[in-house]
Amino acid sequence: MKITTKVELGIVVLTDIALYSEDGKIVRSSEIADRQNISHKYLEQILLGLRQGKFVKGQKGIHGGYQLSRPADRIFLSDILNALDNNILANTYDADEQPVGGIRSSVNNCLWSNLNSYMRRFTEQMTLADLIKDYMDSSGKSKDYMYYI
């Protein structure tokens, strides 16, 4: 499976916005570009796809930027993938092209159909909140603060 840079960075950008737009804060595209080392021009293309997919909403003006349009636990990975590249979760072969019988038919039915089904189920269950939690756990960052006296 090949994942385009646009899809990979789209997920990264969406995660960045989710992390830095807590409590209604606006995240500027220049901040995202700097943190994630993405060119401003390419970032704007990614943000366009995320806006069209209704994952983020933009605010214009001098204090403009982006924030999530809905909570991270209601943004599913399958929705993001389909919005940025609808071929990723598509079947690897068309039903019209499916050979009748033979080894190719068995491979398609046994391997590719099952793999596509697994990918769809997996991405339909994983949310942006899951990605954020994994990032927080792996980076040692946590929203729970411990105070020492």
C-alpha atoms as a PDB file:
ATOM      1  CA  MET A   1       0.000   0.000   0.000  1.00  0.00           C
ATOM      2  CA  LYS A   2       1.252   3.437  -0.866  1.00  0.00           C
ATOM      3  CA  ILE A   3       0.237   6.425   1.195  1.00  0.00           C
ATOM      4  CA  THR A   4       0.801   9.782  -0.448  1.00  0.00           C
ATOM      5  CA  THR A   5       2.718  12.533   1.283  1.00  0.00           C
ATOM      6  CA  LYS A   6      -0.459  14.623   1.186  1.00  0.00           C
ATOM      7  CA  VAL A   7      -2.355  11.996   3.189  1.00  0.00           C
ATOM      8  CA  GLU A   8       0.480  11.441   5.649  1.00  0.00           C
ATOM      9  CA  LEU A   9       0.972  15.157   6.243  1.00  0.00           C
ATOM     10  CA  GLY A  10      -2.789  15.728   6.319  1.00  0.00           C
ATOM     11  CA  ILE A  11      -3.032  13.420   9.325  1.00  0.00           C
ATOM     12  CA  VAL A  12      -0.016  15.111  10.914  1.00  0.00           C
ATOM     13  CA  VAL A  13      -1.491  18.591  10.334  1.00  0.00           C
ATOM     14  CA  LEU A  14      -4.879  17.553  11.711  1.00  0.00           C
ATOM     15  CA  THR A  15      -3.215  16.086  14.796  1.00  0.00           C
ATOM     16  CA  ASP A  16      -1.165  19.272  15.253  1.00  0.00           C
ATOM     17  CA  ILE A  17      -4.290  21.412  15.048  1.00  0.00           C
ATOM     18  CA  ALA A  18      -6.068  19.174  17.544  1.00  0.00           C
ATOM     19  CA  LEU A  19      -3.179  19.388  20.003  1.00  0.00           C
ATOM     20  CA  TYR A  20      -2.691  23.136  19.786  1.00  0.00           C
ATOM     21  CA  SER A  21      -6.308  24.303  19.453  1.00  0.00           C
ATOM     22  CA  GLU A  22      -7.503  23.112  22.826  1.00  0.00           C
ATOM     23  CA  ASP A  23      -9.826  25.441  24.691  1.00  0.00           C
ATOM     24  CA  GLY A  24     -10.893  27.114  21.445  1.00  0.00           C
ATOM     25  CA  LYS A  25      -7.468  28.485  20.525  1.00  0.00           C
ATOM     26  CA  ILE A  26      -6.787  29.292  16.891  1.00  0.00           C
ATOM     27  CA  VAL A  27      -3.736  27.642  15.306  1.00  0.00           C
ATOM     28  CA  ARG A  28      -1.959  29.679  12.643  1.00  0.00           C
ATOM     29  CA  SER A  29      -0.728  27.959   9.512  1.00  0.00           C
ATOM     30  CA  SER A  30       2.726  29.503   9.973  1.00  0.00           C
ATOM     31  CA  GLU A  31       2.988  27.799  13.386  1.00  0.00           C
ATOM     32  CA  ILE A  32       1.990  24.438  11.904  1.00  0.00           C
ATOM     33  CA  ALA A  33       4.483  24.837   9.042  1.00  0.00           C
ATOM     34  CA  ASP A  34       7.291  25.623  11.471  1.00  0.00           C
ATOM     35  CA  ARG A  35       6.487  22.836  13.939  1.00  0.00           C
ATOM     36  CA  GLN A  36       6.002  20.179  11.264  1.00  0.00           C
ATOM     37  CA  ASN A  37       8.620  21.431   8.772  1.00  0.00           C
ATOM     38  CA  ILE A  38       6.138  21.752   5.882  1.00  0.00           C
ATOM     39  CA  SER A  39       6.347  24.425   3.213  1.00  0.00           C
ATOM     40  CA  HIS A  40       3.635  27.066   3.542  1.00  0.00           C
ATOM     41  CA  LYS A  41       2.470  26.534  -0.026  1.00  0.00           C
ATOM     42  CA  TYR A  42       2.064  22.765   0.397  1.00  0.00           C
ATOM     43  CA  LEU A  43       0.437  23.252   3.803  1.00  0.00           C
ATOM     44  CA  GLU A  44      -2.228  25.460   2.234  1.00  0.00           C
ATOM     45  CA  GLN A  45      -3.102  22.659  -0.210  1.00  0.00           C
ATOM     46  CA  ILE A  46      -3.406  20.211   2.675  1.00  0.00           C
ATOM     47  CA  LEU A  47      -5.523  22.634   4.699  1.00  0.00           C
ATOM     48  CA  LEU A  48      -7.811  23.116   1.702  1.00  0.00           C
ATOM     49  CA  GLY A  49      -8.476  19.359   1.642  1.00  0.00           C
ATOM     50  CA  LEU A  50      -9.081  19.330   5.398  1.00  0.00           C
ATOM     51  CA  ARG A  51     -11.491  22.270   5.113  1.00  0.00           C
ATOM     52  CA  GLN A  52     -13.343  20.630   2.210  1.00  0.00           C
ATOM     53  CA  GLY A  53     -13.571  17.434   4.274  1.00  0.00           C
ATOM     54  CA  LYS A  54     -15.084  19.542   7.073  1.00  0.00           C
ATOM     55  CA  PHE A  55     -12.417  18.529   9.604  1.00  0.00           C
ATOM     56  CA  VAL A  56     -11.209  22.052  10.294  1.00  0.00           C
ATOM     57  CA  LYS A  57     -12.703  25.485  10.150  1.00  0.00           C
ATOM     58  CA  GLY A  58     -10.701  28.541   9.310  1.00  0.00           C
ATOM     59  CA  GLN A  59     -10.848  32.017  10.708  1.00  0.00           C
ATOM     60  CA  LYS A  60      -9.676  34.867   8.513  1.00  0.00           C
ATOM     61  CA  GLY A  61      -7.923  38.002   9.600  1.00  0.00           C
ATOM     62  CA  ILE A  62      -4.840  39.027  11.476  1.00  0.00           C
ATOM     63  CA  HIS A  63      -5.670  36.641  14.315  1.00  0.00           C
ATOM     64  CA  GLY A  64      -6.853  33.976  11.907  1.00  0.00           C
ATOM     65  CA  GLY A  65      -6.006  30.321  11.812  1.00  0.00           C
ATOM     66  CA  TYR A  66      -7.590  26.913  12.178  1.00  0.00           C
ATOM     67  CA  GLN A  67      -9.295  24.727  14.710  1.00  0.00           C
ATOM     68  CA  LEU A  68     -11.133  21.419  14.585  1.00  0.00           C
ATOM     69  CA  SER A  69     -14.705  21.605  13.378  1.00  0.00           C
ATOM     70  CA  ARG A  70     -15.749  18.770  15.703  1.00  0.00           C
ATOM     71  CA  PRO A  71     -14.201  16.885  18.638  1.00  0.00           C
ATOM     72  CA  ALA A  72     -11.218  14.642  17.867  1.00  0.00           C
ATOM     73  CA  ASP A  73     -13.073  11.558  19.085  1.00  0.00           C
ATOM     74  CA  ARG A  74     -15.626  12.100  16.302  1.00  0.00           C
ATOM     75  CA  ILE A  75     -13.071  12.326  13.495  1.00  0.00           C
ATOM     76  CA  PHE A  76     -12.352   8.851  12.171  1.00  0.00           C
ATOM     77  CA  LEU A  77      -9.214   7.901  10.296  1.00  0.00           C
ATOM     78  CA  SER A  78     -11.305   6.382   7.496  1.00  0.00           C
ATOM     79  CA  ASP A  79     -12.994   9.752   6.933  1.00  0.00           C
ATOM     80  CA  ILE A  80      -9.642  11.530   6.759  1.00  0.00           C
ATOM     81  CA  LEU A  81      -8.206   8.975   4.329  1.00  0.00           C
ATOM     82  CA  ASN A  82     -11.275   9.125   2.093  1.00  0.00           C
ATOM     83  CA  ALA A  83     -11.264  12.927   2.067  1.00  0.00           C
ATOM     84  CA  LEU A  84      -7.585  13.240   1.155  1.00  0.00           C
ATOM     85  CA  ASP A  85      -7.316  10.202  -1.178  1.00  0.00           C
ATOM     86  CA  ASN A  86     -10.389   8.084  -1.821  1.00  0.00           C
ATOM     87  CA  ASN A  87      -8.312   5.301  -3.428  1.00  0.00           C
ATOM     88  CA  ILE A  88      -6.641   4.109  -0.221  1.00  0.00           C
ATOM     89  CA  LEU A  89      -9.614   2.206   1.176  1.00  0.00           C
ATOM     90  CA  ALA A  90     -11.039   1.274  -2.224  1.00  0.00           C
ATOM     91  CA  ASN A  91     -11.052  -2.308  -3.441  1.00  0.00           C
ATOM     92  CA  THR A  92      -7.837  -3.316  -5.184  1.00  0.00           C
ATOM     93  CA  TYR A  93      -9.816  -4.711  -8.097  1.00  0.00           C
ATOM     94  CA  ASP A  94     -13.165  -3.940  -9.702  1.00  0.00           C
ATOM     95  CA  ALA A  95     -15.923  -6.513  -9.520  1.00  0.00           C
ATOM     96  CA  ASP A  96     -16.231  -6.296 -13.329  1.00  0.00           C
ATOM     97  CA  GLU A  97     -12.547  -7.169 -13.712  1.00  0.00           C
ATOM     98  CA  GLN A  98     -12.616 -10.025 -11.217  1.00  0.00           C
ATOM     99  CA  PRO A  99     -11.605 -13.242 -12.949  1.00  0.00           C
ATOM    100  CA  VAL A 100     -13.900 -16.231 -12.689  1.00  0.00           C
ATOM    101  CA  GLY A 101     -12.094 -19.115 -10.997  1.00  0.00           C
ATOM    102  CA  GLY A 102      -8.395 -19.830 -11.026  1.00  0.00           C
ATOM    103  CA  ILE A 103      -5.532 -18.742  -8.849  1.00  0.00           C
ATOM    104  CA  ARG A 104      -6.084 -15.017  -9.416  1.00  0.00           C
ATOM    105  CA  SER A 105      -9.667 -15.295  -8.162  1.00  0.00           C
ATOM    106  CA  SER A 106      -8.511 -17.143  -5.042  1.00  0.00           C
ATOM    107  CA  VAL A 107      -5.802 -14.575  -4.348  1.00  0.00           C
ATOM    108  CA  ASN A 108      -8.280 -11.710  -4.773  1.00  0.00           C
ATOM    109  CA  ASN A 109     -10.904 -13.326  -2.552  1.00  0.00           C
ATOM    110  CA  CYS A 110      -8.593 -14.672   0.122  1.00  0.00           C
ATOM    111  CA  LEU A 111      -5.892 -12.031   0.335  1.00  0.00           C
ATOM    112  CA  TRP A 112      -6.899  -8.648  -1.103  1.00  0.00           C
ATOM    113  CA  SER A 113     -10.561  -8.687  -0.089  1.00  0.00           C
ATOM    114  CA  ASN A 114      -9.672  -9.623   3.477  1.00  0.00           C
ATOM    115  CA  LEU A 115      -6.887  -7.064   3.640  1.00  0.00           C
ATOM    116  CA  ASN A 116      -9.178  -4.309   2.335  1.00  0.00           C
ATOM    117  CA  SER A 117     -11.888  -5.304   4.823  1.00  0.00           C
ATOM    118  CA  TYR A 118      -9.402  -5.249   7.692  1.00  0.00           C
ATOM    119  CA  MET A 119      -8.101  -1.815   6.678  1.00  0.00           C
ATOM    120  CA  ARG A 120     -11.621  -0.424   6.430  1.00  0.00           C
ATOM    121  CA  ARG A 121     -12.657  -1.807   9.834  1.00  0.00           C
ATOM    122  CA  PHE A 122      -9.429  -0.640  11.470  1.00  0.00           C
ATOM    123  CA  THR A 123      -9.653   2.914  10.121  1.00  0.00           C
ATOM    124  CA  GLU A 124     -13.388   3.132  10.863  1.00  0.00           C
ATOM    125  CA  GLN A 125     -12.642   2.462  14.534  1.00  0.00           C
ATOM    126  CA  MET A 126      -9.538   4.633  14.979  1.00  0.00           C
ATOM    127  CA  THR A 127     -10.133   8.291  15.753  1.00  0.00           C
ATOM    128  CA  LEU A 128      -7.977  11.363  15.784  1.00  0.00           C
ATOM    129  CA  ALA A 129      -8.265  11.217  19.588  1.00  0.00           C
ATOM    130  CA  ASP A 130      -6.557   7.796  19.489  1.00  0.00           C
ATOM    131  CA  LEU A 131      -3.629   9.282  17.537  1.00  0.00           C
ATOM    132  CA  ILE A 132      -3.373  12.152  20.002  1.00  0.00           C
ATOM    133  CA  LYS A 133      -3.406   9.773  22.972  1.00  0.00           C
ATOM    134  CA  ASP A 134      -0.649   7.669  21.426  1.00  0.00           C
ATOM    135  CA  TYR A 135       1.425  10.785  20.768  1.00  0.00           C
ATOM    136  CA  MET A 136       0.942  12.015  24.321  1.00  0.00           C
ATOM    137  CA  ASP A 137       1.838   8.609  25.776  1.00  0.00           C
ATOM    138  CA  SER A 138       4.904   8.091  23.580  1.00  0.00           C
ATOM    139  CA  SER A 139       6.267  11.606  23.999  1.00  0.00           C
ATOM    140  CA  GLY A 140       5.879  11.639  27.759  1.00  0.00           C
ATOM    141  CA  LYS A 141       3.502  14.565  27.538  1.00  0.00           C
ATOM    142  CA  SER A 142       0.306  14.316  29.480  1.00  0.00           C
ATOM    143  CA  LYS A 143      -2.649  16.472  30.257  1.00  0.00           C
ATOM    144  CA  ASP A 144      -2.555  15.266  33.868  1.00  0.00           C
ATOM    145  CA  TYR A 145      -0.234  17.456  35.861  1.00  0.00           C
ATOM    146  CA  MET A 146       1.488  16.310  39.006  1.00  0.00           C
ATOM    147  CA  TYR A 147       2.474  18.944  41.482  1.00  0.00           C
ATOM    148  CA  TYR A 148       5.341  18.449  43.915  1.00  0.00           C
ATOM    149  CA  ILE A 149       5.644  20.413  47.137  1.00  0.00           C
END
